PDB file of all heavy atoms in Angstrom:
ATOM      1  N   GLY A   1    -104.276  49.425  -2.165  1.00  0.00           N
ATOM      2  CA  GLY A   1    -103.052  48.638  -2.351  1.00  0.00           C
ATOM      3  C   GLY A   1    -101.793  49.457  -2.535  1.00  0.00           C
ATOM      4  O   GLY A   1    -100.693  48.889  -2.576  1.00  0.00           O
ATOM      5  N   SER A   2    -101.903  50.752  -2.644  1.00  0.00           N
ATOM      6  CA  SER A   2    -100.700  51.593  -2.779  1.00  0.00           C
ATOM      7  C   SER A   2     -99.930  51.572  -1.451  1.00  0.00           C
ATOM      8  O   SER A   2    -100.518  51.436  -0.386  1.00  0.00           O
ATOM      9  CB  SER A   2    -101.059  52.990  -3.203  1.00  0.00           C
ATOM     10  OG  SER A   2    -101.929  53.580  -2.265  1.00  0.00           O
ATOM     11  N   THR A   3     -98.624  51.758  -1.573  1.00  0.00           N
ATOM     12  CA  THR A   3     -97.771  51.623  -0.416  1.00  0.00           C
ATOM     13  C   THR A   3     -96.820  52.804  -0.304  1.00  0.00           C
ATOM     14  O   THR A   3     -96.552  53.525  -1.288  1.00  0.00           O
ATOM     15  CB  THR A   3     -96.905  50.349  -0.492  1.00  0.00           C
ATOM     16  OG1 THR A   3     -96.104  50.391  -1.682  1.00  0.00           O
ATOM     17  CG2 THR A   3     -97.782  49.098  -0.515  1.00  0.00           C
ATOM     18  N   ASN A   4     -96.335  53.045   0.893  1.00  0.00           N
ATOM     19  CA  ASN A   4     -95.254  54.003   1.106  1.00  0.00           C
ATOM     20  C   ASN A   4     -94.381  53.516   2.229  1.00  0.00           C
ATOM     21  O   ASN A   4     -94.818  52.778   3.115  1.00  0.00           O
ATOM     22  CB  ASN A   4     -95.777  55.415   1.325  1.00  0.00           C
ATOM     23  CG  ASN A   4     -96.680  55.528   2.513  1.00  0.00           C
ATOM     24  OD1 ASN A   4     -96.226  55.501   3.669  1.00  0.00           O
ATOM     25  ND2 ASN A   4     -97.970  55.669   2.286  1.00  0.00           N
ATOM     26  N   TYR A   5     -93.127  53.949   2.199  1.00  0.00           N
ATOM     27  CA  TYR A   5     -92.092  53.485   3.136  1.00  0.00           C
ATOM     28  C   TYR A   5     -91.243  54.645   3.615  1.00  0.00           C
ATOM     29  O   TYR A   5     -91.033  55.617   2.880  1.00  0.00           O
ATOM     30  CB  TYR A   5     -91.163  52.475   2.443  1.00  0.00           C
ATOM     31  CG  TYR A   5     -91.846  51.240   1.930  1.00  0.00           C
ATOM     32  CD1 TYR A   5     -92.366  51.200   0.627  1.00  0.00           C
ATOM     33  CD2 TYR A   5     -91.961  50.097   2.715  1.00  0.00           C
ATOM     34  CE1 TYR A   5     -93.004  50.059   0.141  1.00  0.00           C
ATOM     35  CE2 TYR A   5     -92.578  48.963   2.232  1.00  0.00           C
ATOM     36  CZ  TYR A   5     -93.105  48.956   0.956  1.00  0.00           C
ATOM     37  OH  TYR A   5     -93.730  47.812   0.495  1.00  0.00           O
ATOM     38  N   VAL A   6     -90.748  54.513   4.832  1.00  0.00           N
ATOM     39  CA  VAL A   6     -89.732  55.464   5.283  1.00  0.00           C
ATOM     40  C   VAL A   6     -88.467  55.185   4.490  1.00  0.00           C
ATOM     41  O   VAL A   6     -88.189  54.044   4.094  1.00  0.00           O
ATOM     42  CB  VAL A   6     -89.511  55.308   6.801  1.00  0.00           C
ATOM     43  CG1 VAL A   6     -88.897  53.959   7.141  1.00  0.00           C
ATOM     44  CG2 VAL A   6     -88.695  56.452   7.352  1.00  0.00           C
ATOM     45  N   ASP A   7     -87.677  56.232   4.227  1.00  0.00           N
ATOM     46  CA  ASP A   7     -86.512  56.076   3.349  1.00  0.00           C
ATOM     47  C   ASP A   7     -85.542  54.991   3.823  1.00  0.00           C
ATOM     48  O   ASP A   7     -84.948  54.280   3.021  1.00  0.00           O
ATOM     49  CB  ASP A   7     -85.763  57.405   3.234  1.00  0.00           C
ATOM     50  CG  ASP A   7     -86.486  58.416   2.358  1.00  0.00           C
ATOM     51  OD1 ASP A   7     -87.408  57.999   1.626  1.00  0.00           O
ATOM     52  OD2 ASP A   7     -86.116  59.607   2.377  1.00  0.00           O
ATOM     53  N   SER A   8     -85.401  54.865   5.142  1.00  0.00           N
ATOM     54  CA  SER A   8     -84.402  53.939   5.670  1.00  0.00           C
ATOM     55  C   SER A   8     -84.672  52.473   5.383  1.00  0.00           C
ATOM     56  O   SER A   8     -83.803  51.628   5.552  1.00  0.00           O
ATOM     57  CB  SER A   8     -84.237  54.153   7.180  1.00  0.00           C
ATOM     58  OG  SER A   8     -85.463  53.917   7.831  1.00  0.00           O
ATOM     59  N   VAL A   9     -85.888  52.125   4.974  1.00  0.00           N
ATOM     60  CA  VAL A   9     -86.223  50.722   4.718  1.00  0.00           C
ATOM     61  C   VAL A   9     -86.570  50.447   3.260  1.00  0.00           C
ATOM     62  O   VAL A   9     -86.817  49.288   2.899  1.00  0.00           O
ATOM     63  CB  VAL A   9     -87.379  50.229   5.616  1.00  0.00           C
ATOM     64  CG1 VAL A   9     -87.111  50.532   7.078  1.00  0.00           C
ATOM     65  CG2 VAL A   9     -88.719  50.817   5.164  1.00  0.00           C
ATOM     66  N   LYS A  10     -86.551  51.486   2.436  1.00  0.00           N
ATOM     67  CA  LYS A  10     -86.909  51.288   1.016  1.00  0.00           C
ATOM     68  C   LYS A  10     -85.934  50.313   0.387  1.00  0.00           C
ATOM     69  O   LYS A  10     -84.723  50.419   0.559  1.00  0.00           O
ATOM     70  CB  LYS A  10     -86.878  52.621   0.278  1.00  0.00           C
ATOM     71  CG  LYS A  10     -88.050  53.512   0.586  1.00  0.00           C
ATOM     72  CD  LYS A  10     -88.001  54.812  -0.180  1.00  0.00           C
ATOM     73  CE  LYS A  10     -89.201  55.695   0.133  1.00  0.00           C
ATOM     74  NZ  LYS A  10     -89.112  57.001  -0.568  1.00  0.00           N
ATOM     75  N   GLY A  11     -86.484  49.362  -0.376  1.00  0.00           N
ATOM     76  CA  GLY A  11     -85.670  48.345  -1.012  1.00  0.00           C
ATOM     77  C   GLY A  11     -85.376  47.143  -0.132  1.00  0.00           C
ATOM     78  O   GLY A  11     -84.849  46.128  -0.622  1.00  0.00           O
ATOM     79  N   ARG A  12     -85.667  47.245   1.163  1.00  0.00           N
ATOM     80  CA  ARG A  12     -85.406  46.121   2.080  1.00  0.00           C
ATOM     81  C   ARG A  12     -86.698  45.550   2.657  1.00  0.00           C
ATOM     82  O   ARG A  12     -86.792  44.346   2.898  1.00  0.00           O
ATOM     83  CB  ARG A  12     -84.514  46.595   3.229  1.00  0.00           C
ATOM     84  CG  ARG A  12     -83.170  47.110   2.793  1.00  0.00           C
ATOM     85  CD  ARG A  12     -82.247  47.359   3.989  1.00  0.00           C
ATOM     86  NE  ARG A  12     -82.751  48.352   4.911  1.00  0.00           N
ATOM     87  CZ  ARG A  12     -82.982  48.150   6.215  1.00  0.00           C
ATOM     88  NH1 ARG A  12     -82.745  46.947   6.737  1.00  0.00           N
ATOM     89  NH2 ARG A  12     -83.438  49.108   6.979  1.00  0.00           N
ATOM     90  N   PHE A  13     -87.675  46.386   2.914  1.00  0.00           N
ATOM     91  CA  PHE A  13     -88.932  45.964   3.535  1.00  0.00           C
ATOM     92  C   PHE A  13     -90.070  46.023   2.507  1.00  0.00           C
ATOM     93  O   PHE A  13     -90.077  46.890   1.629  1.00  0.00           O
ATOM     94  CB  PHE A  13     -89.322  46.873   4.708  1.00  0.00           C
ATOM     95  CG  PHE A  13     -88.450  46.762   5.923  1.00  0.00           C
ATOM     96  CD1 PHE A  13     -87.236  46.060   5.908  1.00  0.00           C
ATOM     97  CD2 PHE A  13     -88.821  47.376   7.098  1.00  0.00           C
ATOM     98  CE1 PHE A  13     -86.422  45.971   7.030  1.00  0.00           C
ATOM     99  CE2 PHE A  13     -88.054  47.302   8.241  1.00  0.00           C
ATOM    100  CZ  PHE A  13     -86.842  46.612   8.192  1.00  0.00           C
ATOM    101  N   THR A  14     -91.014  45.099   2.642  1.00  0.00           N
ATOM    102  CA  THR A  14     -92.196  45.093   1.788  1.00  0.00           C
ATOM    103  C   THR A  14     -93.430  44.873   2.630  1.00  0.00           C
ATOM    104  O   THR A  14     -93.510  43.896   3.384  1.00  0.00           O
ATOM    105  CB  THR A  14     -92.098  43.972   0.735  1.00  0.00           C
ATOM    106  OG1 THR A  14     -90.915  44.157  -0.057  1.00  0.00           O
ATOM    107  CG2 THR A  14     -93.324  44.034  -0.190  1.00  0.00           C
ATOM    108  N   ILE A  15     -94.398  45.767   2.491  1.00  0.00           N
ATOM    109  CA  ILE A  15     -95.677  45.618   3.194  1.00  0.00           C
ATOM    110  C   ILE A  15     -96.690  45.068   2.215  1.00  0.00           C
ATOM    111  O   ILE A  15     -96.673  45.428   1.019  1.00  0.00           O
ATOM    112  CB  ILE A  15     -96.152  46.976   3.782  1.00  0.00           C
ATOM    113  CG1 ILE A  15     -97.371  46.759   4.681  1.00  0.00           C
ATOM    114  CG2 ILE A  15     -96.413  47.998   2.695  1.00  0.00           C
ATOM    115  CD1 ILE A  15     -97.763  47.997   5.472  1.00  0.00           C
ATOM    116  N   SER A  16     -97.528  44.183   2.698  1.00  0.00           N
ATOM    117  CA  SER A  16     -98.570  43.607   1.857  1.00  0.00           C
ATOM    118  C   SER A  16     -99.782  43.290   2.730  1.00  0.00           C
ATOM    119  O   SER A  16     -99.690  43.272   3.964  1.00  0.00           O
ATOM    120  CB  SER A  16     -98.085  42.341   1.147  1.00  0.00           C
ATOM    121  OG  SER A  16     -97.710  41.343   2.081  1.00  0.00           O
ATOM    122  N   ARG A  17    -100.897  43.036   2.077  1.00  0.00           N
ATOM    123  CA  ARG A  17    -102.123  42.719   2.854  1.00  0.00           C
ATOM    124  C   ARG A  17    -102.891  41.618   2.140  1.00  0.00           C
ATOM    125  O   ARG A  17    -102.851  41.535   0.903  1.00  0.00           O
ATOM    126  CB  ARG A  17    -102.986  43.964   3.034  1.00  0.00           C
ATOM    127  CG  ARG A  17    -103.572  44.559   1.767  1.00  0.00           C
ATOM    128  CD  ARG A  17    -104.170  45.938   2.009  1.00  0.00           C
ATOM    129  NE  ARG A  17    -105.257  45.910   2.967  1.00  0.00           N
ATOM    130  CZ  ARG A  17    -105.722  46.990   3.608  1.00  0.00           C
ATOM    131  NH1 ARG A  17    -105.167  48.178   3.376  1.00  0.00           N
ATOM    132  NH2 ARG A  17    -106.725  46.896   4.445  1.00  0.00           N
ATOM    133  N   ASP A  18    -103.586  40.830   2.922  1.00  0.00           N
ATOM    134  CA  ASP A  18    -104.506  39.817   2.418  1.00  0.00           C
ATOM    135  C   ASP A  18    -105.854  40.104   3.037  1.00  0.00           C
ATOM    136  O   ASP A  18    -106.101  39.798   4.199  1.00  0.00           O
ATOM    137  CB  ASP A  18    -103.998  38.414   2.804  1.00  0.00           C
ATOM    138  CG  ASP A  18    -104.825  37.300   2.201  1.00  0.00           C
ATOM    139  OD1 ASP A  18    -106.046  37.513   1.980  1.00  0.00           O
ATOM    140  OD2 ASP A  18    -104.279  36.204   1.991  1.00  0.00           O
ATOM    141  N   ASN A  19    -106.733  40.733   2.279  1.00  0.00           N
ATOM    142  CA  ASN A  19    -108.008  41.177   2.822  1.00  0.00           C
ATOM    143  C   ASN A  19    -108.888  39.989   3.189  1.00  0.00           C
ATOM    144  O   ASN A  19    -109.679  40.074   4.146  1.00  0.00           O
ATOM    145  CB  ASN A  19    -108.722  42.068   1.845  1.00  0.00           C
ATOM    146  CG  ASN A  19    -108.047  43.433   1.703  1.00  0.00           C
ATOM    147  OD1 ASN A  19    -107.393  43.905   2.626  1.00  0.00           O
ATOM    148  ND2 ASN A  19    -108.199  44.032   0.543  1.00  0.00           N
ATOM    149  N   ALA A  20    -108.768  38.891   2.479  1.00  0.00           N
ATOM    150  CA  ALA A  20    -109.571  37.696   2.820  1.00  0.00           C
ATOM    151  C   ALA A  20    -109.195  37.136   4.163  1.00  0.00           C
ATOM    152  O   ALA A  20    -110.049  36.631   4.909  1.00  0.00           O
ATOM    153  CB  ALA A  20    -109.414  36.665   1.728  1.00  0.00           C
ATOM    154  N   LYS A  21    -107.912  37.245   4.523  1.00  0.00           N
ATOM    155  CA  LYS A  21    -107.439  36.740   5.813  1.00  0.00           C
ATOM    156  C   LYS A  21    -107.396  37.848   6.866  1.00  0.00           C
ATOM    157  O   LYS A  21    -107.012  37.591   8.009  1.00  0.00           O
ATOM    158  CB  LYS A  21    -106.076  36.117   5.660  1.00  0.00           C
ATOM    159  CG  LYS A  21    -106.018  34.867   4.813  1.00  0.00           C
ATOM    160  CD  LYS A  21    -104.612  34.289   4.755  1.00  0.00           C
ATOM    161  CE  LYS A  21    -104.599  33.007   3.925  1.00  0.00           C
ATOM    162  NZ  LYS A  21    -103.226  32.423   3.856  1.00  0.00           N
ATOM    163  N   LYS A  22    -107.724  39.053   6.488  1.00  0.00           N
ATOM    164  CA  LYS A  22    -107.675  40.213   7.400  1.00  0.00           C
ATOM    165  C   LYS A  22    -106.285  40.306   8.057  1.00  0.00           C
ATOM    166  O   LYS A  22    -106.163  40.469   9.274  1.00  0.00           O
ATOM    167  CB  LYS A  22    -108.757  40.103   8.481  1.00  0.00           C
ATOM    168  CG  LYS A  22    -110.170  40.179   7.936  1.00  0.00           C
ATOM    169  CD  LYS A  22    -111.186  40.146   9.069  1.00  0.00           C
ATOM    170  CE  LYS A  22    -112.611  40.213   8.562  1.00  0.00           C
ATOM    171  NZ  LYS A  22    -113.603  40.194   9.664  1.00  0.00           N
ATOM    172  N   THR A  23    -105.287  40.198   7.236  1.00  0.00           N
ATOM    173  CA  THR A  23    -103.918  40.185   7.747  1.00  0.00           C
ATOM    174  C   THR A  23    -103.029  41.107   6.903  1.00  0.00           C
ATOM    175  O   THR A  23    -103.181  41.179   5.682  1.00  0.00           O
ATOM    176  CB  THR A  23    -103.357  38.755   7.719  1.00  0.00           C
ATOM    177  OG1 THR A  23    -104.180  37.906   8.533  1.00  0.00           O
ATOM    178  CG2 THR A  23    -101.932  38.715   8.269  1.00  0.00           C
ATOM    179  N   VAL A  24    -102.135  41.805   7.594  1.00  0.00           N
ATOM    180  CA  VAL A  24    -101.124  42.612   6.925  1.00  0.00           C
ATOM    181  C   VAL A  24     -99.767  42.061   7.313  1.00  0.00           C
ATOM    182  O   VAL A  24     -99.565  41.589   8.430  1.00  0.00           O
ATOM    183  CB  VAL A  24    -101.289  44.099   7.270  1.00  0.00           C
ATOM    184  CG1 VAL A  24    -101.078  44.348   8.770  1.00  0.00           C
ATOM    185  CG2 VAL A  24    -100.352  44.961   6.447  1.00  0.00           C
ATOM    186  N   TYR A  25     -98.832  42.124   6.363  1.00  0.00           N
ATOM    187  CA  TYR A  25     -97.504  41.540   6.560  1.00  0.00           C
ATOM    188  C   TYR A  25     -96.426  42.624   6.370  1.00  0.00           C
ATOM    189  O   TYR A  25     -96.614  43.587   5.662  1.00  0.00           O
ATOM    190  CB  TYR A  25     -97.244  40.435   5.555  1.00  0.00           C
ATOM    191  CG  TYR A  25     -98.292  39.339   5.557  1.00  0.00           C
ATOM    192  CD1 TYR A  25     -99.367  39.349   4.654  1.00  0.00           C
ATOM    193  CD2 TYR A  25     -98.220  38.297   6.483  1.00  0.00           C
ATOM    194  CE1 TYR A  25    -100.336  38.340   4.672  1.00  0.00           C
ATOM    195  CE2 TYR A  25     -99.188  37.290   6.496  1.00  0.00           C
ATOM    196  CZ  TYR A  25    -100.228  37.323   5.591  1.00  0.00           C
ATOM    197  OH  TYR A  25    -101.181  36.324   5.601  1.00  0.00           O
ATOM    198  N   LEU A  26     -95.307  42.371   6.999  1.00  0.00           N
ATOM    199  CA  LEU A  26     -94.115  43.196   6.727  1.00  0.00           C
ATOM    200  C   LEU A  26     -92.955  42.234   6.550  1.00  0.00           C
ATOM    201  O   LEU A  26     -92.488  41.619   7.501  1.00  0.00           O
ATOM    202  CB  LEU A  26     -93.832  44.154   7.875  1.00  0.00           C
ATOM    203  CG  LEU A  26     -92.683  45.135   7.630  1.00  0.00           C
ATOM    204  CD1 LEU A  26     -93.051  46.114   6.501  1.00  0.00           C
ATOM    205  CD2 LEU A  26     -92.322  45.904   8.875  1.00  0.00           C
ATOM    206  N   GLN A  27     -92.532  42.091   5.300  1.00  0.00           N
ATOM    207  CA  GLN A  27     -91.351  41.283   5.005  1.00  0.00           C
ATOM    208  C   GLN A  27     -90.125  42.161   5.145  1.00  0.00           C
ATOM    209  O   GLN A  27     -90.010  43.194   4.492  1.00  0.00           O
ATOM    210  CB  GLN A  27     -91.434  40.729   3.566  1.00  0.00           C
ATOM    211  CG  GLN A  27     -90.226  39.927   3.158  1.00  0.00           C
ATOM    212  CD  GLN A  27     -90.077  38.635   3.935  1.00  0.00           C
ATOM    213  OE1 GLN A  27     -91.051  37.906   4.176  1.00  0.00           O
ATOM    214  NE2 GLN A  27     -88.858  38.313   4.368  1.00  0.00           N
ATOM    215  N   MET A  28     -89.207  41.756   6.010  1.00  0.00           N
ATOM    216  CA  MET A  28     -88.025  42.556   6.308  1.00  0.00           C
ATOM    217  C   MET A  28     -86.786  41.752   5.907  1.00  0.00           C
ATOM    218  O   MET A  28     -86.539  40.689   6.453  1.00  0.00           O
ATOM    219  CB  MET A  28     -87.968  42.901   7.779  1.00  0.00           C
ATOM    220  CG  MET A  28     -89.234  43.598   8.292  1.00  0.00           C
ATOM    221  SD  MET A  28     -89.086  44.166  10.002  1.00  0.00           S
ATOM    222  CE  MET A  28     -88.971  42.589  10.841  1.00  0.00           C
ATOM    223  N   ASN A  29     -86.062  42.273   4.952  1.00  0.00           N
ATOM    224  CA  ASN A  29     -84.832  41.639   4.478  1.00  0.00           C
ATOM    225  C   ASN A  29     -83.644  42.531   4.760  1.00  0.00           C
ATOM    226  O   ASN A  29     -83.798  43.723   5.027  1.00  0.00           O
ATOM    227  CB  ASN A  29     -84.938  41.366   2.968  1.00  0.00           C
ATOM    228  CG  ASN A  29     -86.069  40.433   2.601  1.00  0.00           C
ATOM    229  OD1 ASN A  29     -86.417  39.529   3.375  1.00  0.00           O
ATOM    230  ND2 ASN A  29     -86.670  40.644   1.450  1.00  0.00           N
ATOM    231  N   SER A  30     -82.477  41.955   4.684  1.00  0.00           N
ATOM    232  CA  SER A  30     -81.217  42.700   4.874  1.00  0.00           C
ATOM    233  C   SER A  30     -81.283  43.513   6.152  1.00  0.00           C
ATOM    234  O   SER A  30     -80.953  44.711   6.184  1.00  0.00           O
ATOM    235  CB  SER A  30     -80.925  43.604   3.676  1.00  0.00           C
ATOM    236  OG  SER A  30     -80.868  42.861   2.486  1.00  0.00           O
ATOM    237  N   LEU A  31     -81.699  42.897   7.201  1.00  0.00           N
ATOM    238  CA  LEU A  31     -81.903  43.608   8.481  1.00  0.00           C
ATOM    239  C   LEU A  31     -80.590  44.139   9.026  1.00  0.00           C
ATOM    240  O   LEU A  31     -79.513  43.503   8.894  1.00  0.00           O
ATOM    241  CB  LEU A  31     -82.594  42.712   9.480  1.00  0.00           C
ATOM    242  CG  LEU A  31     -84.107  42.550   9.261  1.00  0.00           C
ATOM    243  CD1 LEU A  31     -84.639  41.315   9.956  1.00  0.00           C
ATOM    244  CD2 LEU A  31     -84.815  43.808   9.748  1.00  0.00           C
ATOM    245  N   LYS A  32     -80.706  45.278   9.660  1.00  0.00           N
ATOM    246  CA  LYS A  32     -79.542  45.978  10.252  1.00  0.00           C
ATOM    247  C   LYS A  32     -79.761  46.159  11.748  1.00  0.00           C
ATOM    248  O   LYS A  32     -80.933  46.187  12.197  1.00  0.00           O
ATOM    249  CB  LYS A  32     -79.392  47.349   9.596  1.00  0.00           C
ATOM    250  CG  LYS A  32     -79.249  47.325   8.073  1.00  0.00           C
ATOM    251  CD  LYS A  32     -79.200  48.745   7.533  1.00  0.00           C
ATOM    252  CE  LYS A  32     -79.061  48.742   6.018  1.00  0.00           C
ATOM    253  NZ  LYS A  32     -79.035  50.129   5.450  1.00  0.00           N
ATOM    254  N   PRO A  33     -78.701  46.333  12.517  1.00  0.00           N
ATOM    255  CA  PRO A  33     -78.893  46.557  13.961  1.00  0.00           C
ATOM    256  C   PRO A  33     -79.812  47.737  14.256  1.00  0.00           C
ATOM    257  O   PRO A  33     -80.550  47.702  15.241  1.00  0.00           O
ATOM    258  CB  PRO A  33     -77.463  46.793  14.437  1.00  0.00           C
ATOM    259  CG  PRO A  33     -76.617  46.016  13.499  1.00  0.00           C
ATOM    260  CD  PRO A  33     -77.290  46.158  12.169  1.00  0.00           C
ATOM    261  N   GLU A  34     -79.782  48.758  13.413  1.00  0.00           N
ATOM    262  CA  GLU A  34     -80.622  49.922  13.642  1.00  0.00           C
ATOM    263  C   GLU A  34     -82.097  49.665  13.389  1.00  0.00           C
ATOM    264  O   GLU A  34     -82.957  50.528  13.667  1.00  0.00           O
ATOM    265  CB  GLU A  34     -80.146  51.107  12.799  1.00  0.00           C
ATOM    266  CG  GLU A  34     -79.969  50.840  11.331  1.00  0.00           C
ATOM    267  CD  GLU A  34     -78.522  50.506  10.973  1.00  0.00           C
ATOM    268  OE1 GLU A  34     -77.854  49.760  11.719  1.00  0.00           O
ATOM    269  OE2 GLU A  34     -78.079  51.014   9.926  1.00  0.00           O
ATOM    270  N   ASP A  35     -82.426  48.467  12.884  1.00  0.00           N
ATOM    271  CA  ASP A  35     -83.840  48.091  12.741  1.00  0.00           C
ATOM    272  C   ASP A  35     -84.409  47.534  14.050  1.00  0.00           C
ATOM    273  O   ASP A  35     -85.592  47.266  14.140  1.00  0.00           O
ATOM    274  CB  ASP A  35     -84.002  47.041  11.641  1.00  0.00           C
ATOM    275  CG  ASP A  35     -83.651  47.571  10.259  1.00  0.00           C
ATOM    276  OD1 ASP A  35     -84.063  48.704   9.942  1.00  0.00           O
ATOM    277  OD2 ASP A  35     -83.000  46.840   9.504  1.00  0.00           O
ATOM    278  N   THR A  36     -83.546  47.352  15.021  1.00  0.00           N
ATOM    279  CA  THR A  36     -83.989  46.857  16.311  1.00  0.00           C
ATOM    280  C   THR A  36     -85.026  47.785  16.928  1.00  0.00           C
ATOM    281  O   THR A  36     -84.770  48.986  17.091  1.00  0.00           O
ATOM    282  CB  THR A  36     -82.805  46.680  17.266  1.00  0.00           C
ATOM    283  OG1 THR A  36     -81.948  45.676  16.763  1.00  0.00           O
ATOM    284  CG2 THR A  36     -83.272  46.296  18.661  1.00  0.00           C
ATOM    285  N   ALA A  37     -86.185  47.240  17.254  1.00  0.00           N
ATOM    286  CA  ALA A  37     -87.276  48.051  17.796  1.00  0.00           C
ATOM    287  C   ALA A  37     -88.450  47.150  18.139  1.00  0.00           C
ATOM    288  O   ALA A  37     -88.461  45.971  17.776  1.00  0.00           O
ATOM    289  CB  ALA A  37     -87.742  49.101  16.758  1.00  0.00           C
ATOM    290  N   VAL A  38     -89.409  47.748  18.817  1.00  0.00           N
ATOM    291  CA  VAL A  38     -90.719  47.111  18.941  1.00  0.00           C
ATOM    292  C   VAL A  38     -91.545  47.592  17.737  1.00  0.00           C
ATOM    293  O   VAL A  38     -91.643  48.787  17.486  1.00  0.00           O
ATOM    294  CB  VAL A  38     -91.421  47.468  20.258  1.00  0.00           C
ATOM    295  CG1 VAL A  38     -92.798  46.820  20.314  1.00  0.00           C
ATOM    296  CG2 VAL A  38     -90.575  47.035  21.455  1.00  0.00           C
ATOM    297  N   TYR A  39     -92.096  46.625  17.006  1.00  0.00           N
ATOM    298  CA  TYR A  39     -92.885  46.936  15.830  1.00  0.00           C
ATOM    299  C   TYR A  39     -94.359  46.827  16.153  1.00  0.00           C
ATOM    300  O   TYR A  39     -94.820  45.813  16.710  1.00  0.00           O
ATOM    301  CB  TYR A  39     -92.500  46.000  14.682  1.00  0.00           C
ATOM    302  CG  TYR A  39     -91.182  46.364  14.054  1.00  0.00           C
ATOM    303  CD1 TYR A  39     -89.990  46.187  14.747  1.00  0.00           C
ATOM    304  CD2 TYR A  39     -91.129  46.926  12.780  1.00  0.00           C
ATOM    305  CE1 TYR A  39     -88.763  46.537  14.168  1.00  0.00           C
ATOM    306  CE2 TYR A  39     -89.916  47.285  12.196  1.00  0.00           C
ATOM    307  CZ  TYR A  39     -88.731  47.087  12.915  1.00  0.00           C
ATOM    308  OH  TYR A  39     -87.545  47.438  12.337  1.00  0.00           O
ATOM    309  N   TYR A  40     -95.100  47.863  15.766  1.00  0.00           N
ATOM    310  CA  TYR A  40     -96.527  47.934  16.057  1.00  0.00           C
ATOM    311  C   TYR A  40     -97.336  47.985  14.785  1.00  0.00           C
ATOM    312  O   TYR A  40     -96.991  48.698  13.844  1.00  0.00           O
ATOM    313  CB  TYR A  40     -96.849  49.183  16.864  1.00  0.00           C
ATOM    314  CG  TYR A  40     -96.204  49.264  18.214  1.00  0.00           C
ATOM    315  CD1 TYR A  40     -94.954  49.869  18.397  1.00  0.00           C
ATOM    316  CD2 TYR A  40     -96.844  48.755  19.351  1.00  0.00           C
ATOM    317  CE1 TYR A  40     -94.344  49.951  19.633  1.00  0.00           C
ATOM    318  CE2 TYR A  40     -96.251  48.823  20.600  1.00  0.00           C
ATOM    319  CZ  TYR A  40     -95.030  49.413  20.729  1.00  0.00           C
ATOM    320  OH  TYR A  40     -94.430  49.511  21.973  1.00  0.00           O
ATOM    321  N   CYS A  41     -98.424  47.262  14.780  1.00  0.00           N
ATOM    322  CA  CYS A  41     -99.381  47.299  13.683  1.00  0.00           C
ATOM    323  C   CYS A  41    -100.416  48.368  13.987  1.00  0.00           C
ATOM    324  O   CYS A  41    -100.817  48.544  15.162  1.00  0.00           O
ATOM    325  CB  CYS A  41    -100.032  45.934  13.568  1.00  0.00           C
ATOM    326  SG  CYS A  41    -101.273  45.787  12.252  1.00  0.00           S
ATOM    327  N   ASN A  42    -100.866  49.060  12.983  1.00  0.00           N
ATOM    328  CA  ASN A  42    -101.848  50.130  13.124  1.00  0.00           C
ATOM    329  C   ASN A  42    -102.892  50.019  12.037  1.00  0.00           C
ATOM    330  O   ASN A  42    -102.587  49.735  10.883  1.00  0.00           O
ATOM    331  CB  ASN A  42    -101.145  51.485  13.048  1.00  0.00           C
ATOM    332  CG  ASN A  42    -102.123  52.623  13.078  1.00  0.00           C
ATOM    333  OD1 ASN A  42    -102.575  53.119  12.034  1.00  0.00           O
ATOM    334  ND2 ASN A  42    -102.469  53.057  14.279  1.00  0.00           N
ATOM    335  N   ALA A  43    -104.145  50.258  12.435  1.00  0.00           N
ATOM    336  CA  ALA A  43    -105.255  50.305  11.491  1.00  0.00           C
ATOM    337  C   ALA A  43    -105.919  51.674  11.612  1.00  0.00           C
ATOM    338  O   ALA A  43    -106.235  52.109  12.712  1.00  0.00           O
ATOM    339  CB  ALA A  43    -106.276  49.214  11.774  1.00  0.00           C
TER     340      ALA A  43
END
């Protein structure tokens, strides 16, 4: 359950997981134009 973030998103993005649902989430707040990208999930 420990987490780490790239500096540019600290305080704005939150990663979480629900093991029962086998799902990981990325909550992104205060989005900026420089956040524009294709986002990929990795296991």
